[in-house]
Each structure stands twice: as C-alpha cells, then as structure tokens.
Amino acid sequence: MTMRIGIVLASLALCGALFWSGTALVALMMEWLVAHPWVAKAMAALPMLMLPLMAVMVSRGRAESGAR
C-alpha cells in the first residue's frame, strides 16, 4: 500500500514538473515569436506540410500491417 502511494505521488510530481516546464517553454517561445514575426508566419503553414506527411505514414503503416 505504501509503495502504491509513493508511485502515485511520484507520478503526480512528474506530471506537475512536466506541466510547469511546458508552460515555461511556451512562454519563451511566444516571446521569441513576437521578436521574429516571420517564424510565426512559417509556423502557421506547418500543418499544411505535416498533415500530408502524416497521412502518407498512416497509409503505409496500414498497408504493411495488412489492413485495407
């Protein structure tokens, strides 16, 4: 029982640390994007590049696994 509580507390602490560091990274990235507006424009076009690549990867993965 004590081990389970320790695992749960460690998991919560890790999730909190990851969330905190993620918000700090987002804040730094937003400051960087404000300083470089051309990067913000390029990031807006990123989904148009990534979505077709993901579609190709998923379709190839399905073909290799034998799914139709």
PDB file of N, CA and C in Angstrom:
ATOM      1  N   MET A   1       0.827  -1.199   0.000  1.00  0.00           N
ATOM      2  CA  MET A   1       0.000   0.000   0.000  1.00  0.00           C
ATOM      3  C   MET A   1       0.870   1.261   0.000  1.00  0.00           C
ATOM      4  N   THR A   2       1.935   1.243   0.795  1.00  0.00           N
ATOM      5  CA  THR A   2       2.815   2.400   0.866  1.00  0.00           C
ATOM      6  C   THR A   2       3.530   2.612  -0.468  1.00  0.00           C
ATOM      7  N   MET A   3       3.862   1.510  -1.139  1.00  0.00           N
ATOM      8  CA  MET A   3       4.538   1.612  -2.433  1.00  0.00           C
ATOM      9  C   MET A   3       3.615   2.244  -3.470  1.00  0.00           C
ATOM     10  N   ARG A   4       2.343   1.887  -3.445  1.00  0.00           N
ATOM     11  CA  ARG A   4       1.386   2.464  -4.384  1.00  0.00           C
ATOM     12  C   ARG A   4       1.238   3.967  -4.171  1.00  0.00           C
ATOM     13  N   ILE A   5       1.187   4.375  -2.925  1.00  0.00           N
ATOM     14  CA  ILE A   5       1.070   5.808  -2.626  1.00  0.00           C
ATOM     15  C   ILE A   5       2.311   6.540  -3.122  1.00  0.00           C
ATOM     16  N   GLY A   6       3.469   5.937  -2.921  1.00  0.00           N
ATOM     17  CA  GLY A   6       4.710   6.543  -3.397  1.00  0.00           C
ATOM     18  C   GLY A   6       4.737   6.673  -4.917  1.00  0.00           C
ATOM     19  N   ILE A   7       4.256   5.639  -5.611  1.00  0.00           N
ATOM     20  CA  ILE A   7       4.217   5.680  -7.081  1.00  0.00           C
ATOM     21  C   ILE A   7       3.254   6.758  -7.556  1.00  0.00           C
ATOM     22  N   VAL A   8       2.095   6.856  -6.900  1.00  0.00           N
ATOM     23  CA  VAL A   8       1.113   7.872  -7.278  1.00  0.00           C
ATOM     24  C   VAL A   8       1.659   9.267  -7.026  1.00  0.00           C
ATOM     25  N   LEU A   9       2.295   9.481  -5.892  1.00  0.00           N
ATOM     26  CA  LEU A   9       2.861  10.794  -5.585  1.00  0.00           C
ATOM     27  C   LEU A   9       4.003  11.150  -6.534  1.00  0.00           C
ATOM     28  N   ALA A  10       4.838  10.160  -6.866  1.00  0.00           N
ATOM     29  CA  ALA A  10       5.917  10.420  -7.809  1.00  0.00           C
ATOM     30  C   ALA A  10       5.358  10.751  -9.196  1.00  0.00           C
ATOM     31  N   SER A  11       4.297  10.060  -9.600  1.00  0.00           N
ATOM     32  CA  SER A  11       3.676  10.339 -10.890  1.00  0.00           C
ATOM     33  C   SER A  11       3.076  11.739 -10.915  1.00  0.00           C
ATOM     34  N   LEU A  12       2.413  12.130  -9.844  1.00  0.00           N
ATOM     35  CA  LEU A  12       1.842  13.471  -9.770  1.00  0.00           C
ATOM     36  C   LEU A  12       2.927  14.536  -9.796  1.00  0.00           C
ATOM     37  N   ALA A  13       4.022  14.290  -9.082  1.00  0.00           N
ATOM     38  CA  ALA A  13       5.124  15.245  -9.083  1.00  0.00           C
ATOM     39  C   ALA A  13       5.739  15.370 -10.474  1.00  0.00           C
ATOM     40  N   LEU A  14       5.900  14.249 -11.164  1.00  0.00           N
ATOM     41  CA  LEU A  14       6.449  14.282 -12.513  1.00  0.00           C
ATOM     42  C   LEU A  14       5.514  15.017 -13.472  1.00  0.00           C
ATOM     43  N   CYS A  15       4.227  14.766 -13.370  1.00  0.00           N
ATOM     44  CA  CYS A  15       3.259  15.469 -14.220  1.00  0.00           C
ATOM     45  C   CYS A  15       3.283  16.968 -13.945  1.00  0.00           C
ATOM     46  N   GLY A  16       3.359  17.347 -12.679  1.00  0.00           N
ATOM     47  CA  GLY A  16       3.433  18.764 -12.331  1.00  0.00           C
ATOM     48  C   GLY A  16       4.692  19.419 -12.875  1.00  0.00           C
ATOM     49  N   ALA A  17       5.825  18.718 -12.772  1.00  0.00           N
ATOM     50  CA  ALA A  17       7.082  19.266 -13.283  1.00  0.00           C
ATOM     51  C   ALA A  17       7.042  19.404 -14.800  1.00  0.00           C
ATOM     52  N   LEU A  18       6.481  18.418 -15.486  1.00  0.00           N
ATOM     53  CA  LEU A  18       6.382  18.494 -16.942  1.00  0.00           C
ATOM     54  C   LEU A  18       5.454  19.625 -17.376  1.00  0.00           C
ATOM     55  N   PHE A  19       4.342  19.790 -16.668  1.00  0.00           N
ATOM     56  CA  PHE A  19       3.406  20.858 -16.999  1.00  0.00           C
ATOM     57  C   PHE A  19       4.056  22.226 -16.781  1.00  0.00           C
ATOM     58  N   TRP A  20       4.760  22.362 -15.664  1.00  0.00           N
ATOM     59  CA  TRP A  20       5.406  23.629 -15.334  1.00  0.00           C
ATOM     60  C   TRP A  20       6.486  23.965 -16.363  1.00  0.00           C
ATOM     61  N   SER A  21       7.312  22.986 -16.712  1.00  0.00           N
ATOM     62  CA  SER A  21       8.360  23.251 -17.699  1.00  0.00           C
ATOM     63  C   SER A  21       7.762  23.500 -19.079  1.00  0.00           C
ATOM     64  N   GLY A  22       6.651  22.836 -19.395  1.00  0.00           N
ATOM     65  CA  GLY A  22       5.988  23.077 -20.677  1.00  0.00           C
ATOM     66  C   GLY A  22       5.447  24.485 -20.777  1.00  0.00           C
ATOM     67  N   THR A  23       4.842  24.978 -19.708  1.00  0.00           N
ATOM     68  CA  THR A  23       4.325  26.348 -19.746  1.00  0.00           C
ATOM     69  C   THR A  23       5.470  27.356 -19.846  1.00  0.00           C
ATOM     70  N   ALA A  24       6.596  27.065 -19.195  1.00  0.00           N
ATOM     71  CA  ALA A  24       7.752  27.966 -19.296  1.00  0.00           C
ATOM     72  C   ALA A  24       8.298  27.977 -20.727  1.00  0.00           C
ATOM     73  N   LEU A  25       8.342  26.811 -21.363  1.00  0.00           N
ATOM     74  CA  LEU A  25       8.820  26.754 -22.745  1.00  0.00           C
ATOM     75  C   LEU A  25       7.880  27.480 -23.695  1.00  0.00           C
ATOM     76  N   VAL A  26       6.583  27.362 -23.458  1.00  0.00           N
ATOM     77  CA  VAL A  26       5.621  28.072 -24.302  1.00  0.00           C
ATOM     78  C   VAL A  26       5.792  29.579 -24.132  1.00  0.00           C
ATOM     79  N   ALA A  27       6.004  30.028 -22.909  1.00  0.00           N
ATOM     80  CA  ALA A  27       6.209  31.455 -22.678  1.00  0.00           C
ATOM     81  C   ALA A  27       7.465  31.946 -23.398  1.00  0.00           C
ATOM     82  N   LEU A  28       8.542  31.168 -23.335  1.00  0.00           N
ATOM     83  CA  LEU A  28       9.758  31.554 -24.050  1.00  0.00           C
ATOM     84  C   LEU A  28       9.533  31.561 -25.553  1.00  0.00           C
ATOM     85  N   MET A  29       8.802  30.577 -26.049  1.00  0.00           N
ATOM     86  CA  MET A  29       8.548  30.513 -27.481  1.00  0.00           C
ATOM     87  C   MET A  29       7.695  31.687 -27.941  1.00  0.00           C
ATOM     88  N   MET A  30       6.724  32.084 -27.141  1.00  0.00           N
ATOM     89  CA  MET A  30       5.878  33.212 -27.521  1.00  0.00           C
ATOM     90  C   MET A  30       6.700  34.501 -27.570  1.00  0.00           C
ATOM     91  N   GLU A  31       7.617  34.678 -26.632  1.00  0.00           N
ATOM     92  CA  GLU A  31       8.496  35.851 -26.675  1.00  0.00           C
ATOM     93  C   GLU A  31       9.366  35.822 -27.926  1.00  0.00           C
ATOM     94  N   TRP A  32       9.841  34.641 -28.304  1.00  0.00           N
ATOM     95  CA  TRP A  32      10.685  34.507 -29.477  1.00  0.00           C
ATOM     96  C   TRP A  32       9.886  34.773 -30.748  1.00  0.00           C
ATOM     97  N   LEU A  33       8.623  34.300 -30.784  1.00  0.00           N
ATOM     98  CA  LEU A  33       7.791  34.517 -31.960  1.00  0.00           C
ATOM     99  C   LEU A  33       7.443  35.990 -32.134  1.00  0.00           C
ATOM    100  N   VAL A  34       7.272  36.697 -31.022  1.00  0.00           N
ATOM    101  CA  VAL A  34       6.988  38.132 -31.115  1.00  0.00           C
ATOM    102  C   VAL A  34       8.207  38.863 -31.675  1.00  0.00           C
ATOM    103  N   ALA A  35       9.397  38.406 -31.302  1.00  0.00           N
ATOM    104  CA  ALA A  35      10.613  39.050 -31.785  1.00  0.00           C
ATOM    105  C   ALA A  35      10.888  38.725 -33.256  1.00  0.00           C
ATOM    106  N   HIS A  36      10.386  37.588 -33.733  1.00  0.00           N
ATOM    107  CA  HIS A  36      10.627  37.157 -35.115  1.00  0.00           C
ATOM    108  C   HIS A  36       9.292  36.824 -35.781  1.00  0.00           C
ATOM    109  N   PRO A  37       8.598  37.813 -36.321  1.00  0.00           N
ATOM    110  CA  PRO A  37       7.259  37.552 -36.875  1.00  0.00           C
ATOM    111  C   PRO A  37       7.261  36.625 -38.084  1.00  0.00           C
ATOM    112  N   TRP A  38       8.344  36.533 -38.826  1.00  0.00           N
ATOM    113  CA  TRP A  38       8.384  35.632 -39.979  1.00  0.00           C
ATOM    114  C   TRP A  38       8.289  34.179 -39.550  1.00  0.00           C
ATOM    115  N   VAL A  39       8.772  33.863 -38.337  1.00  0.00           N
ATOM    116  CA  VAL A  39       8.680  32.494 -37.829  1.00  0.00           C
ATOM    117  C   VAL A  39       7.225  32.152 -37.532  1.00  0.00           C
ATOM    118  N   ALA A  40       6.474  33.122 -37.004  1.00  0.00           N
ATOM    119  CA  ALA A  40       5.064  32.896 -36.728  1.00  0.00           C
ATOM    120  C   ALA A  40       4.307  32.598 -38.016  1.00  0.00           C
ATOM    121  N   LYS A  41       4.654  33.296 -39.095  1.00  0.00           N
ATOM    122  CA  LYS A  41       4.008  33.028 -40.377  1.00  0.00           C
ATOM    123  C   LYS A  41       4.371  31.637 -40.889  1.00  0.00           C
ATOM    124  N   ALA A  42       5.615  31.248 -40.703  1.00  0.00           N
ATOM    125  CA  ALA A  42       6.036  29.919 -41.140  1.00  0.00           C
ATOM    126  C   ALA A  42       5.356  28.830 -40.319  1.00  0.00           C
ATOM    127  N   MET A  43       5.169  29.067 -39.018  1.00  0.00           N
ATOM    128  CA  MET A  43       4.510  28.063 -38.174  1.00  0.00           C
ATOM    129  C   MET A  43       3.039  27.917 -38.532  1.00  0.00           C
ATOM    130  N   ALA A  44       2.429  28.970 -39.048  1.00  0.00           N
ATOM    131  CA  ALA A  44       1.032  28.869 -39.461  1.00  0.00           C
ATOM    132  C   ALA A  44       0.890  27.929 -40.651  1.00  0.00           C
ATOM    133  N   ALA A  45       1.917  27.812 -41.484  1.00  0.00           N
ATOM    134  CA  ALA A  45       1.887  26.919 -42.640  1.00  0.00           C
ATOM    135  C   ALA A  45       2.321  25.497 -42.298  1.00  0.00           C
ATOM    136  N   LEU A  46       2.789  25.272 -41.089  1.00  0.00           N
ATOM    137  CA  LEU A  46       3.293  23.956 -40.700  1.00  0.00           C
ATOM    138  C   LEU A  46       2.257  22.838 -40.826  1.00  0.00           C
ATOM    139  N   PRO A  47       0.995  23.040 -40.419  1.00  0.00           N
ATOM    140  CA  PRO A  47       0.023  21.947 -40.585  1.00  0.00           C
ATOM    141  C   PRO A  47      -0.182  21.545 -42.047  1.00  0.00           C
ATOM    142  N   MET A  48      -0.049  22.484 -42.965  1.00  0.00           N
ATOM    143  CA  MET A  48      -0.226  22.149 -44.377  1.00  0.00           C
ATOM    144  C   MET A  48       0.894  21.228 -44.854  1.00  0.00           C
ATOM    145  N   LEU A  49       2.041  21.261 -44.202  1.00  0.00           N
ATOM    146  CA  LEU A  49       3.136  20.363 -44.534  1.00  0.00           C
ATOM    147  C   LEU A  49       3.016  19.040 -43.780  1.00  0.00           C
ATOM    148  N   MET A  50       2.638  19.124 -42.510  1.00  0.00           N
ATOM    149  CA  MET A  50       2.646  17.934 -41.674  1.00  0.00           C
ATOM    150  C   MET A  50       1.483  16.987 -41.946  1.00  0.00           C
ATOM    151  N   LEU A  51       0.303  17.515 -42.245  1.00  0.00           N
ATOM    152  CA  LEU A  51      -0.854  16.650 -42.435  1.00  0.00           C
ATOM    153  C   LEU A  51      -0.684  15.670 -43.599  1.00  0.00           C
ATOM    154  N   PRO A  52      -0.221  16.106 -44.763  1.00  0.00           N
ATOM    155  CA  PRO A  52       0.012  15.109 -45.822  1.00  0.00           C
ATOM    156  C   PRO A  52       1.081  14.081 -45.461  1.00  0.00           C
ATOM    157  N   LEU A  53       2.137  14.517 -44.774  1.00  0.00           N
ATOM    158  CA  LEU A  53       3.169  13.562 -44.355  1.00  0.00           C
ATOM    159  C   LEU A  53       2.618  12.525 -43.387  1.00  0.00           C
ATOM    160  N   MET A  54       1.788  12.969 -42.449  1.00  0.00           N
ATOM    161  CA  MET A  54       1.175  12.030 -41.511  1.00  0.00           C
ATOM    162  C   MET A  54       0.229  11.073 -42.232  1.00  0.00           C
ATOM    163  N   ALA A  55      -0.504  11.585 -43.220  1.00  0.00           N
ATOM    164  CA  ALA A  55      -1.413  10.727 -43.975  1.00  0.00           C
ATOM    165  C   ALA A  55      -0.638   9.639 -44.723  1.00  0.00           C
ATOM    166  N   VAL A  56       0.489   9.996 -45.304  1.00  0.00           N
ATOM    167  CA  VAL A  56       1.314   9.006 -46.000  1.00  0.00           C
ATOM    168  C   VAL A  56       1.853   7.977 -45.018  1.00  0.00           C
ATOM    169  N   MET A  57       2.319   8.429 -43.852  1.00  0.00           N
ATOM    170  CA  MET A  57       2.852   7.496 -42.853  1.00  0.00           C
ATOM    171  C   MET A  57       1.778   6.538 -42.359  1.00  0.00           C
ATOM    172  N   VAL A  58       0.583   7.045 -42.112  1.00  0.00           N
ATOM    173  CA  VAL A  58      -0.502   6.184 -41.627  1.00  0.00           C
ATOM    174  C   VAL A  58      -0.906   5.182 -42.693  1.00  0.00           C
ATOM    175  N   SER A  59      -1.033   5.632 -43.948  1.00  0.00           N
ATOM    176  CA  SER A  59      -1.442   4.715 -45.006  1.00  0.00           C
ATOM    177  C   SER A  59      -0.385   3.639 -45.250  1.00  0.00           C
ATOM    178  N   ARG A  60       0.897   4.011 -45.177  1.00  0.00           N
ATOM    179  CA  ARG A  60       1.949   2.996 -45.343  1.00  0.00           C
ATOM    180  C   ARG A  60       1.962   2.024 -44.174  1.00  0.00           C
ATOM    181  N   GLY A  61       1.736   2.535 -42.985  1.00  0.00           N
ATOM    182  CA  GLY A  61       1.675   1.647 -41.820  1.00  0.00           C
ATOM    183  C   GLY A  61       0.522   0.666 -41.912  1.00  0.00           C
ATOM    184  N   ARG A  62      -0.621   1.127 -42.412  1.00  0.00           N
ATOM    185  CA  ARG A  62      -1.753   0.227 -42.584  1.00  0.00           C
ATOM    186  C   ARG A  62      -1.481  -0.803 -43.663  1.00  0.00           C
ATOM    187  N   ALA A  63      -0.821  -0.376 -44.740  1.00  0.00           N
ATOM    188  CA  ALA A  63      -0.517  -1.310 -45.829  1.00  0.00           C
ATOM    189  C   ALA A  63       0.451  -2.396 -45.353  1.00  0.00           C
ATOM    190  N   GLU A  64       1.419  -2.028 -44.530  1.00  0.00           N
ATOM    191  CA  GLU A  64       2.373  -3.009 -44.024  1.00  0.00           C
ATOM    192  C   GLU A  64       1.732  -3.975 -43.049  1.00  0.00           C
ATOM    193  N   SER A  65       0.734  -3.507 -42.311  1.00  0.00           N
ATOM    194  CA  SER A  65       0.084  -4.385 -41.343  1.00  0.00           C
ATOM    195  C   SER A  65      -0.997  -5.249 -41.977  1.00  0.00           C
ATOM    196  N   GLY A  66      -1.320  -4.976 -43.242  1.00  0.00           N
ATOM    197  CA  GLY A  66      -2.311  -5.801 -43.918  1.00  0.00           C
ATOM    198  C   GLY A  66      -3.715  -5.257 -43.842  1.00  0.00           C
ATOM    199  N   ALA A  67      -3.918  -4.113 -43.230  1.00  0.00           N
ATOM    200  CA  ALA A  67      -5.249  -3.507 -43.162  1.00  0.00           C
ATOM    201  C   ALA A  67      -5.558  -2.813 -44.484  1.00  0.00           C
ATOM    202  N   ARG A  68      -6.849  -2.681 -44.763  1.00  0.00           N
ATOM    203  CA  ARG A  68      -7.241  -2.030 -46.019  1.00  0.00           C
ATOM    204  C   ARG A  68      -7.630  -0.619 -45.798  1.00  0.00           C
TER     205      ARG A  68
END
